C-alpha atoms as a PDB file:
ATOM      1  CA  MET A   1     -27.783  73.165 106.813  1.00  0.00           C
ATOM      2  CA  THR A   2     -26.061  76.305 108.081  1.00  0.00           C
ATOM      3  CA  ARG A   3     -23.186  77.911 106.223  1.00  0.00           C
ATOM      4  CA  ASN A   4     -20.766  76.910 109.011  1.00  0.00           C
ATOM      5  CA  GLY A   5     -22.032  73.331 108.937  1.00  0.00           C
ATOM      6  CA  PHE A   6     -21.547  73.094 105.175  1.00  0.00           C
ATOM      7  CA  ALA A   7     -17.982  74.477 105.491  1.00  0.00           C
ATOM      8  CA  LEU A   8     -17.098  71.922 108.141  1.00  0.00           C
ATOM      9  CA  LEU A   9     -18.527  69.111 106.018  1.00  0.00           C
ATOM     10  CA  PHE A  10     -16.546  70.300 102.963  1.00  0.00           C
ATOM     11  CA  ILE A  11     -13.273  70.474 104.930  1.00  0.00           C
ATOM     12  CA  ALA A  12     -13.875  66.998 106.372  1.00  0.00           C
ATOM     13  CA  GLY A  13     -14.459  65.609 102.874  1.00  0.00           C
ATOM     14  CA  CYS A  14     -11.247  67.127 101.556  1.00  0.00           C
ATOM     15  CA  ALA A  15      -9.320  65.697 104.485  1.00  0.00           C
ATOM     16  CA  ALA A  16     -10.735  62.228 103.822  1.00  0.00           C
ATOM     17  CA  ILE A  17      -9.765  62.378 100.139  1.00  0.00           C
ATOM     18  CA  ALA A  18      -6.258  63.469 101.080  1.00  0.00           C
ATOM     19  CA  ALA A  19      -5.964  60.634 103.596  1.00  0.00           C
ATOM     20  CA  VAL A  20      -6.992  58.050 100.989  1.00  0.00           C
ATOM     21  CA  ALA A  21      -4.509  59.460  98.490  1.00  0.00           C
ATOM     22  CA  LEU A  22      -1.709  59.260 101.027  1.00  0.00           C
ATOM     23  CA  SER A  23      -2.627  55.705 101.961  1.00  0.00           C
ATOM     24  CA  LEU A  24      -2.379  54.632  98.305  1.00  0.00           C
ATOM     25  CA  ARG A  25       1.099  56.063  97.876  1.00  0.00           C
ATOM     26  CA  GLN A  26       3.872  53.500  98.311  1.00  0.00           C
ATOM     27  CA  PRO A  27       6.186  54.148 101.277  1.00  0.00           C
ATOM     28  CA  GLY A  28       9.389  55.837 100.254  1.00  0.00           C
ATOM     29  CA  THR A  29       8.214  56.482  96.702  1.00  0.00           C
ATOM     30  CA  ALA A  30       9.998  59.506  95.302  1.00  0.00           C
ATOM     31  CA  PRO A  31       8.374  61.756  92.727  1.00  0.00           C
ATOM     32  CA  PRO A  32       9.395  60.857  89.169  1.00  0.00           C
ATOM     33  CA  SER A  33      12.549  62.493  87.860  1.00  0.00           C
ATOM     34  CA  PRO A  34      12.021  65.262  85.326  1.00  0.00           C
ATOM     35  CA  ALA A  35      12.383  64.240  81.704  1.00  0.00           C
ATOM     36  CA  VAL A  36      15.872  64.557  80.261  1.00  0.00           C
ATOM     37  CA  SER A  37      15.726  67.082  77.441  1.00  0.00           C
ATOM     38  CA  ALA A  38      19.403  67.913  76.923  1.00  0.00           C
ATOM     39  CA  PRO A  39      22.770  66.149  77.127  1.00  0.00           C
ATOM     40  CA  PRO A  40      24.287  66.085  80.627  1.00  0.00           C
ATOM     41  CA  THR A  41      26.807  68.826  81.329  1.00  0.00           C
ATOM     42  CA  SER A  42      27.973  67.221  84.568  1.00  0.00           C
ATOM     43  CA  TRP A  43      29.045  63.633  85.099  1.00  0.00           C
ATOM     44  CA  PRO A  44      26.008  61.316  84.764  1.00  0.00           C
ATOM     45  CA  ASP A  45      25.447  58.323  87.041  1.00  0.00           C
ATOM     46  CA  TYR A  46      23.962  55.224  85.430  1.00  0.00           C
ATOM     47  CA  SER A  47      24.914  52.898  88.277  1.00  0.00           C
ATOM     48  CA  ALA A  48      22.393  50.743  90.136  1.00  0.00           C
ATOM     49  CA  ASP A  49      22.555  53.178  93.071  1.00  0.00           C
ATOM     50  CA  GLY A  50      22.206  56.337  90.979  1.00  0.00           C
ATOM     51  CA  PRO A  51      19.315  57.972  89.135  1.00  0.00           C
ATOM     52  CA  GLY A  52      19.980  55.763  86.109  1.00  0.00           C
ATOM     53  CA  PHE A  53      19.533  56.345  82.409  1.00  0.00           C
ATOM     54  CA  GLN A  54      16.351  57.865  80.990  1.00  0.00           C
ATOM     55  CA  THR A  55      15.447  58.009  77.328  1.00  0.00           C
ATOM     56  CA  PRO A  56      16.037  61.669  76.462  1.00  0.00           C
ATOM     57  CA  ALA A  57      13.078  63.724  75.293  1.00  0.00           C
ATOM     58  CA  MET A  58      15.010  64.816  72.205  1.00  0.00           C
ATOM     59  CA  ALA A  59      14.768  64.318  68.477  1.00  0.00           C
ATOM     60  CA  ASP A  60      17.245  61.428  68.567  1.00  0.00           C
ATOM     61  CA  GLY A  61      16.287  60.239  72.053  1.00  0.00           C
ATOM     62  CA  GLU A  62      15.273  56.747  70.926  1.00  0.00           C
ATOM     63  CA  LEU A  63      18.549  56.323  69.017  1.00  0.00           C
ATOM     64  CA  ILE A  64      20.517  57.399  72.113  1.00  0.00           C
ATOM     65  CA  ALA A  65      18.554  54.911  74.205  1.00  0.00           C
ATOM     66  CA  TYR A  66      19.340  52.177  71.693  1.00  0.00           C
ATOM     67  CA  GLY A  67      23.019  53.062  72.022  1.00  0.00           C
ATOM     68  CA  TYR A  68      22.744  52.748  75.798  1.00  0.00           C
ATOM     69  CA  LYS A  69      21.147  49.320  75.354  1.00  0.00           C
ATOM     70  CA  LEU A  70      23.985  48.268  73.069  1.00  0.00           C
ATOM     71  CA  ILE A  71      26.455  49.230  75.816  1.00  0.00           C
ATOM     72  CA  THR A  72      24.594  47.535  78.658  1.00  0.00           C
ATOM     73  CA  GLN A  73      22.939  44.571  76.902  1.00  0.00           C
ATOM     74  CA  THR A  74      25.342  43.932  74.045  1.00  0.00           C
ATOM     75  CA  PHE A  75      24.778  40.180  74.250  1.00  0.00           C
ATOM     76  CA  ALA A  76      21.017  40.589  73.737  1.00  0.00           C
ATOM     77  CA  VAL A  77      21.201  42.822  70.656  1.00  0.00           C
ATOM     78  CA  ILE A  78      24.349  41.931  68.720  1.00  0.00           C
ATOM     79  CA  GLY A  79      25.676  38.878  70.565  1.00  0.00           C
ATOM     80  CA  PRO A  80      26.039  35.387  69.063  1.00  0.00           C
ATOM     81  CA  GLU A  81      22.626  34.391  70.465  1.00  0.00           C
ATOM     82  CA  ALA A  82      20.768  37.595  69.488  1.00  0.00           C
ATOM     83  CA  PRO A  83      17.291  36.986  68.018  1.00  0.00           C
ATOM     84  CA  ASP A  84      18.169  38.607  64.681  1.00  0.00           C
ATOM     85  CA  PRO A  85      20.880  36.500  62.995  1.00  0.00           C
ATOM     86  CA  SER A  86      21.900  39.442  60.801  1.00  0.00           C
ATOM     87  CA  LEU A  87      22.931  41.387  63.924  1.00  0.00           C
ATOM     88  CA  ARG A  88      25.115  38.682  65.462  1.00  0.00           C
ATOM     89  CA  LEU A  89      28.284  40.756  65.217  1.00  0.00           C
ATOM     90  CA  ALA A  90      29.831  40.022  68.620  1.00  0.00           C
ATOM     91  CA  GLY A  91      31.548  36.697  69.072  1.00  0.00           C
ATOM     92  CA  ASN A  92      30.888  36.342  72.802  1.00  0.00           C
ATOM     93  CA  ASN A  93      28.074  36.942  75.280  1.00  0.00           C
ATOM     94  CA  LEU A  94      29.761  39.774  77.140  1.00  0.00           C
ATOM     95  CA  SER A  95      28.452  43.319  77.343  1.00  0.00           C
ATOM     96  CA  CYS A  96      30.444  46.507  76.815  1.00  0.00           C
ATOM     97  CA  GLN A  97      29.760  47.481  80.415  1.00  0.00           C
ATOM     98  CA  ASN A  98      31.600  44.439  81.716  1.00  0.00           C
ATOM     99  CA  CYS A  99      34.636  46.697  81.210  1.00  0.00           C
ATOM    100  CA  HIS A 100      33.011  50.146  80.867  1.00  0.00           C
ATOM    101  CA  LEU A 101      31.212  49.866  84.187  1.00  0.00           C
ATOM    102  CA  ASP A 102      27.781  51.371  84.875  1.00  0.00           C
ATOM    103  CA  GLY A 103      27.050  52.125  81.247  1.00  0.00           C
ATOM    104  CA  GLY A 104      30.395  53.859  80.902  1.00  0.00           C
ATOM    105  CA  THR A 105      29.777  56.334  83.752  1.00  0.00           C
ATOM    106  CA  ASN A 106      31.962  54.798  86.468  1.00  0.00           C
ATOM    107  CA  ARG A 107      34.992  57.061  86.859  1.00  0.00           C
ATOM    108  CA  GLY A 108      37.267  54.189  87.843  1.00  0.00           C
ATOM    109  CA  GLY A 109      35.860  51.640  85.393  1.00  0.00           C
ATOM    110  CA  LEU A 110      37.131  52.684  81.937  1.00  0.00           C
ATOM    111  CA  PRO A 111      34.552  55.472  81.598  1.00  0.00           C
ATOM    112  CA  LEU A 112      33.095  56.561  78.272  1.00  0.00           C
ATOM    113  CA  VAL A 113      31.951  59.964  79.502  1.00  0.00           C
ATOM    114  CA  GLY A 114      33.659  62.735  77.568  1.00  0.00           C
ATOM    115  CA  VAL A 115      35.520  60.511  75.113  1.00  0.00           C
ATOM    116  CA  PHE A 116      33.467  61.568  72.068  1.00  0.00           C
ATOM    117  CA  GLY A 117      35.378  64.815  71.707  1.00  0.00           C
ATOM    118  CA  THR A 118      38.798  63.160  72.005  1.00  0.00           C
ATOM    119  CA  TYR A 119      38.558  61.503  68.562  1.00  0.00           C
ATOM    120  CA  PRO A 120      40.050  61.333  66.021  1.00  0.00           C
ATOM    121  CA  LYS A 121      43.385  60.766  67.750  1.00  0.00           C
ATOM    122  CA  TYR A 122      46.669  58.966  67.253  1.00  0.00           C
ATOM    123  CA  ARG A 123      46.969  55.605  69.021  1.00  0.00           C
ATOM    124  CA  GLU A 124      50.470  54.384  69.623  1.00  0.00           C
ATOM    125  CA  ARG A 125      49.334  50.779  69.824  1.00  0.00           C
ATOM    126  CA  ASP A 126      48.105  50.730  66.218  1.00  0.00           C
ATOM    127  CA  ARG A 127      50.408  53.538  65.019  1.00  0.00           C
ATOM    128  CA  ARG A 128      47.623  55.342  63.242  1.00  0.00           C
ATOM    129  CA  VAL A 129      45.059  58.094  63.703  1.00  0.00           C
ATOM    130  CA  ASP A 130      41.790  56.452  64.683  1.00  0.00           C
ATOM    131  CA  SER A 131      38.296  57.816  64.272  1.00  0.00           C
ATOM    132  CA  LEU A 132      35.745  56.910  66.922  1.00  0.00           C
ATOM    133  CA  VAL A 133      34.250  54.424  64.450  1.00  0.00           C
ATOM    134  CA  ASP A 134      37.692  52.780  64.172  1.00  0.00           C
ATOM    135  CA  ARG A 135      37.964  52.593  67.943  1.00  0.00           C
ATOM    136  CA  LEU A 136      34.527  51.078  68.395  1.00  0.00           C
ATOM    137  CA  ASN A 137      35.290  48.444  65.789  1.00  0.00           C
ATOM    138  CA  ASP A 138      38.570  47.658  67.521  1.00  0.00           C
ATOM    139  CA  CYS A 139      36.504  46.795  70.572  1.00  0.00           C
ATOM    140  CA  MET A 140      34.129  44.747  68.448  1.00  0.00           C
ATOM    141  CA  MET A 141      36.994  42.656  67.070  1.00  0.00           C
ATOM    142  CA  ARG A 142      39.012  42.400  70.288  1.00  0.00           C
ATOM    143  CA  SER A 143      36.976  42.700  73.468  1.00  0.00           C
ATOM    144  CA  MET A 144      33.831  41.301  71.847  1.00  0.00           C
ATOM    145  CA  ASN A 145      35.850  38.827  69.737  1.00  0.00           C
ATOM    146  CA  GLY A 146      33.588  39.565  66.783  1.00  0.00           C
ATOM    147  CA  GLN A 147      33.505  41.403  63.503  1.00  0.00           C
ATOM    148  CA  PRO A 148      33.396  45.098  62.579  1.00  0.00           C
ATOM    149  CA  MET A 149      30.089  46.893  62.801  1.00  0.00           C
ATOM    150  CA  PRO A 150      29.065  48.401  59.448  1.00  0.00           C
ATOM    151  CA  GLU A 151      29.677  52.156  59.518  1.00  0.00           C
ATOM    152  CA  GLY A 152      26.249  52.928  58.055  1.00  0.00           C
ATOM    153  CA  SER A 153      24.343  50.628  60.395  1.00  0.00           C
ATOM    154  CA  ARG A 154      21.744  51.784  62.894  1.00  0.00           C
ATOM    155  CA  GLU A 155      23.837  50.136  65.613  1.00  0.00           C
ATOM    156  CA  MET A 156      26.927  52.218  64.850  1.00  0.00           C
ATOM    157  CA  ALA A 157      24.794  55.355  64.628  1.00  0.00           C
ATOM    158  CA  ALA A 158      23.254  54.523  68.013  1.00  0.00           C
ATOM    159  CA  LEU A 159      26.613  54.016  69.722  1.00  0.00           C
ATOM    160  CA  LEU A 160      27.888  57.306  68.304  1.00  0.00           C
ATOM    161  CA  ALA A 161      24.686  59.079  69.396  1.00  0.00           C
ATOM    162  CA  PHE A 162      24.994  57.757  72.947  1.00  0.00           C
ATOM    163  CA  LEU A 163      28.681  58.655  73.224  1.00  0.00           C
ATOM    164  CA  ASN A 164      27.924  62.109  71.842  1.00  0.00           C
ATOM    165  CA  PHE A 165      25.111  62.463  74.392  1.00  0.00           C
ATOM    166  CA  ILE A 166      27.480  61.814  77.325  1.00  0.00           C
ATOM    167  CA  GLY A 167      30.363  63.597  75.618  1.00  0.00           C
ATOM    168  CA  LYS A 168      30.188  67.063  77.198  1.00  0.00           C
ATOM    169  CA  PRO A 169      31.712  66.481  80.680  1.00  0.00           C
ATOM    170  CA  GLN A 170      35.492  66.407  80.972  1.00  0.00           C
ATOM    171  CA  PRO A 171      36.843  62.879  80.409  1.00  0.00           C
ATOM    172  CA  VAL A 172      38.967  61.103  82.984  1.00  0.00           C
ATOM    173  CA  ALA A 173      42.647  61.206  82.085  1.00  0.00           C
ATOM    174  CA  ALA A 174      44.049  57.710  81.542  1.00  0.00           C
ATOM    175  CA  ARG A 175      46.800  56.847  84.013  1.00  0.00           C
ATOM    176  CA  PRO A 176      48.865  53.703  83.550  1.00  0.00           C
ATOM    177  CA  ALA A 177      49.247  51.516  86.611  1.00  0.00           C
ATOM    178  CA  PRO A 178      52.452  52.103  88.591  1.00  0.00           C
ATOM    179  CA  PRO A 179      55.058  49.357  88.253  1.00  0.00           C
ATOM    180  CA  PRO A 180      54.877  46.573  90.849  1.00  0.00           C
ATOM    181  CA  PRO A 181      57.317  46.384  93.766  1.00  0.00           C
ATOM    182  CA  GLN A 182      58.438  42.987  92.413  1.00  0.00           C
ATOM    183  CA  PRO A 183      58.059  41.417  88.953  1.00  0.00           C
ATOM    184  CA  ALA A 184      54.536  40.102  88.398  1.00  0.00           C
ATOM    185  CA  ASP A 185      54.260  36.418  89.286  1.00  0.00           C
ATOM    186  CA  ALA A 186      51.511  34.147  87.932  1.00  0.00           C
ATOM    187  CA  ALA A 187      51.908  31.592  90.734  1.00  0.00           C
ATOM    188  CA  ARG A 188      51.198  34.238  93.363  1.00  0.00           C
ATOM    189  CA  GLY A 189      48.382  35.501  91.150  1.00  0.00           C
ATOM    190  CA  ALA A 190      46.742  32.067  91.178  1.00  0.00           C
ATOM    191  CA  ILE A 191      46.565  32.273  94.977  1.00  0.00           C
ATOM    192  CA  VAL A 192      44.984  35.733  94.799  1.00  0.00           C
ATOM    193  CA  PHE A 193      42.490  34.543  92.192  1.00  0.00           C
ATOM    194  CA  ALA A 194      41.422  31.563  94.320  1.00  0.00           C
ATOM    195  CA  ALA A 195      41.067  33.694  97.450  1.00  0.00           C
ATOM    196  CA  VAL A 196      39.331  36.747  95.978  1.00  0.00           C
ATOM    197  CA  CYS A 197      38.190  36.383  92.369  1.00  0.00           C
ATOM    198  CA  ALA A 198      36.846  32.826  92.189  1.00  0.00           C
ATOM    199  CA  ALA A 199      33.909  33.626  94.464  1.00  0.00           C
ATOM    200  CA  CYS A 200      32.283  35.462  91.553  1.00  0.00           C
ATOM    201  CA  HIS A 201      34.102  34.391  88.399  1.00  0.00           C
ATOM    202  CA  GLN A 202      34.282  30.743  89.579  1.00  0.00           C
ATOM    203  CA  SER A 203      37.345  28.596  90.067  1.00  0.00           C
ATOM    204  CA  ASP A 204      37.337  27.665  86.366  1.00  0.00           C
ATOM    205  CA  GLY A 205      37.222  31.353  85.374  1.00  0.00           C
ATOM    206  CA  LEU A 206      34.178  30.809  83.161  1.00  0.00           C
ATOM    207  CA  GLY A 207      31.841  33.082  85.112  1.00  0.00           C
ATOM    208  CA  VAL A 208      28.143  32.633  85.895  1.00  0.00           C
ATOM    209  CA  ARG A 209      25.615  32.842  83.081  1.00  0.00           C
ATOM    210  CA  LEU A 210      22.109  34.185  83.463  1.00  0.00           C
ATOM    211  CA  GLY A 211      19.648  31.614  82.181  1.00  0.00           C
ATOM    212  CA  SER A 212      20.687  28.787  79.925  1.00  0.00           C
ATOM    213  CA  ALA A 213      22.708  28.833  76.737  1.00  0.00           C
ATOM    214  CA  ASN A 214      21.058  30.253  73.595  1.00  0.00           C
ATOM    215  CA  VAL A 215      18.743  32.657  75.466  1.00  0.00           C
ATOM    216  CA  ALA A 216      20.975  35.767  75.168  1.00  0.00           C
ATOM    217  CA  LEU A 217      20.790  36.869  78.803  1.00  0.00           C
ATOM    218  CA  GLY A 218      24.507  37.378  79.283  1.00  0.00           C
ATOM    219  CA  TYR A 219      26.378  36.856  82.514  1.00  0.00           C
ATOM    220  CA  ARG A 220      25.884  37.691  86.150  1.00  0.00           C
ATOM    221  CA  PHE A 221      29.673  37.422  86.470  1.00  0.00           C
ATOM    222  CA  PRO A 222      31.562  37.418  83.151  1.00  0.00           C
ATOM    223  CA  PRO A 223      34.180  34.838  82.169  1.00  0.00           C
ATOM    224  CA  LEU A 224      37.819  35.871  82.485  1.00  0.00           C
ATOM    225  CA  TRP A 225      39.093  33.271  80.041  1.00  0.00           C
ATOM    226  CA  GLY A 226      37.747  30.518  77.843  1.00  0.00           C
ATOM    227  CA  PRO A 227      35.856  30.567  74.524  1.00  0.00           C
ATOM    228  CA  ASP A 228      33.243  33.160  75.606  1.00  0.00           C
ATOM    229  CA  SER A 229      35.763  35.691  76.897  1.00  0.00           C
ATOM    230  CA  PHE A 230      37.622  38.581  75.251  1.00  0.00           C
ATOM    231  CA  ASN A 231      40.427  37.622  72.905  1.00  0.00           C
ATOM    232  CA  ASP A 232      44.169  38.121  73.331  1.00  0.00           C
ATOM    233  CA  GLY A 233      44.065  41.433  71.456  1.00  0.00           C
ATOM    234  CA  ALA A 234      41.670  43.071  73.930  1.00  0.00           C
ATOM    235  CA  GLY A 235      42.725  45.840  76.255  1.00  0.00           C
ATOM    236  CA  MET A 236      41.924  43.662  79.254  1.00  0.00           C
ATOM    237  CA  ASP A 237      44.655  41.261  78.153  1.00  0.00           C
ATOM    238  CA  ARG A 238      47.217  44.027  78.649  1.00  0.00           C
ATOM    239  CA  PHE A 239      48.823  44.888  81.980  1.00  0.00           C
ATOM    240  CA  GLU A 240      48.462  48.647  81.487  1.00  0.00           C
ATOM    241  CA  ASN A 241      44.665  48.375  81.379  1.00  0.00           C
ATOM    242  CA  ALA A 242      43.861  45.365  83.532  1.00  0.00           C
ATOM    243  CA  VAL A 243      45.962  46.156  86.620  1.00  0.00           C
ATOM    244  CA  GLY A 244      44.297  49.472  87.432  1.00  0.00           C
ATOM    245  CA  PHE A 245      40.836  48.221  86.499  1.00  0.00           C
ATOM    246  CA  ILE A 246      41.091  45.202  88.787  1.00  0.00           C
ATOM    247  CA  ARG A 247      42.650  47.079  91.676  1.00  0.00           C
ATOM    248  CA  HIS A 248      40.117  49.918  91.606  1.00  0.00           C
ATOM    249  CA  ASN A 249      36.971  47.881  90.983  1.00  0.00           C
ATOM    250  CA  MET A 250      37.397  44.307  92.139  1.00  0.00           C
ATOM    251  CA  PRO A 251      35.711  42.769  93.999  1.00  0.00           C
ATOM    252  CA  ARG A 252      32.805  44.754  92.548  1.00  0.00           C
ATOM    253  CA  GLY A 253      31.793  47.576  94.833  1.00  0.00           C
ATOM    254  CA  VAL A 254      35.244  48.183  96.300  1.00  0.00           C
ATOM    255  CA  ASP A 255      36.164  51.800  97.036  1.00  0.00           C
ATOM    256  CA  PRO A 256      38.836  52.770  94.483  1.00  0.00           C
ATOM    257  CA  GLN A 257      40.442  54.994  97.119  1.00  0.00           C
ATOM    258  CA  ASN A 258      40.728  52.022  99.475  1.00  0.00           C
ATOM    259  CA  PRO A 259      41.351  48.993  97.258  1.00  0.00           C
ATOM    260  CA  GLN A 260      41.154  45.480  98.610  1.00  0.00           C
ATOM    261  CA  LEU A 261      44.091  44.238  96.527  1.00  0.00           C
ATOM    262  CA  SER A 262      47.585  45.614  96.853  1.00  0.00           C
ATOM    263  CA  LEU A 263      49.378  46.879  93.760  1.00  0.00           C
ATOM    264  CA  GLN A 264      51.533  43.749  93.781  1.00  0.00           C
ATOM    265  CA  GLN A 265      48.503  41.460  94.036  1.00  0.00           C
ATOM    266  CA  ALA A 266      46.821  43.210  91.096  1.00  0.00           C
ATOM    267  CA  TRP A 267      49.902  42.740  88.909  1.00  0.00           C
ATOM    268  CA  ASP A 268      50.214  39.120  90.004  1.00  0.00           C
ATOM    269  CA  VAL A 269      46.597  38.229  89.272  1.00  0.00           C
ATOM    270  CA  VAL A 270      46.826  39.789  85.803  1.00  0.00           C
ATOM    271  CA  ALA A 271      49.959  37.727  85.186  1.00  0.00           C
ATOM    272  CA  TYR A 272      47.931  34.656  86.143  1.00  0.00           C
ATOM    273  CA  LEU A 273      45.022  35.611  83.867  1.00  0.00           C
ATOM    274  CA  LYS A 274      47.432  36.042  80.959  1.00  0.00           C
ATOM    275  CA  THR A 275      48.485  32.398  81.284  1.00  0.00           C
ATOM    276  CA  MET A 276      44.938  31.152  80.740  1.00  0.00           C
ATOM    277  CA  PRO A 277      43.453  30.151  77.363  1.00  0.00           C
ATOM    278  CA  ARG A 278      41.358  32.642  75.421  1.00  0.00           C
ATOM    279  CA  PRO A 279      40.455  33.250  71.769  1.00  0.00           C
ATOM    280  CA  LYS A 280      43.146  34.542  69.454  1.00  0.00           C
ATOM    281  CA  GLU A 281      42.713  37.852  67.680  1.00  0.00           C
ATOM    282  CA  GLN A 282      41.868  37.098  64.078  1.00  0.00           C
ATOM    283  CA  ARG A 283      43.865  39.871  62.371  1.00  0.00           C
ATOM    284  CA  PRO A 284      47.436  41.152  62.355  1.00  0.00           C
ATOM    285  CA  ARG A 285      48.210  43.546  65.189  1.00  0.00           C
END
């Protein structure tokens, strides 16, 4: 074989190998994201449409990832149907991200990004200076209708590690909802609920579970009242939290800059939700 013939044969072989490699690649497959080796300095996006959460390649990366799981799959790890009975600290099958949307990275959905550095701080509601551990346990006893998480537990350490990991970007300043044009009215709110909210949360307000009871899969759409909902001490049972959250995020996927509900409708539907039965907080306020 001549030198030119061998060169042509070699080039043809390389081209064939390249063609096979390209044919095996899935259409639209993007190269894998680089490993995360440091806390984010800009606002992370853990939504379904974003790059998502990756276990950090850091010394405490697995602990941070466990904290993220506790936020997004609370029901599966520490819920009342969790496999380990000793970890059944939550009293309902909700997840933290039912309120702290997208793993706490949604700017309009009670975000957790940046909050680590804001504690300890004075909270007017409880008239005391709270540590972050205090605040997390408030959520455990109110929103999760459960019991405090032991301070020395791996679960508390994981939540603190995750919040520290996403704690560098500037937090979103809390802004109370503006007052309604007219006093909030539960009867009008019932009409709004039936027209807008019931499609997901159901007409009985009990949501849509994933799987059957006792399998710890949580909810596709969480309950807004009833025995498996947050209790009457939770932030979502208070106008100042619920009005803005509902208006900016509901129905899920709405553009917060162009809400579907008017300010009046948001106040009215919260007034309606506050008339519905839910667990009572089991400690003095």
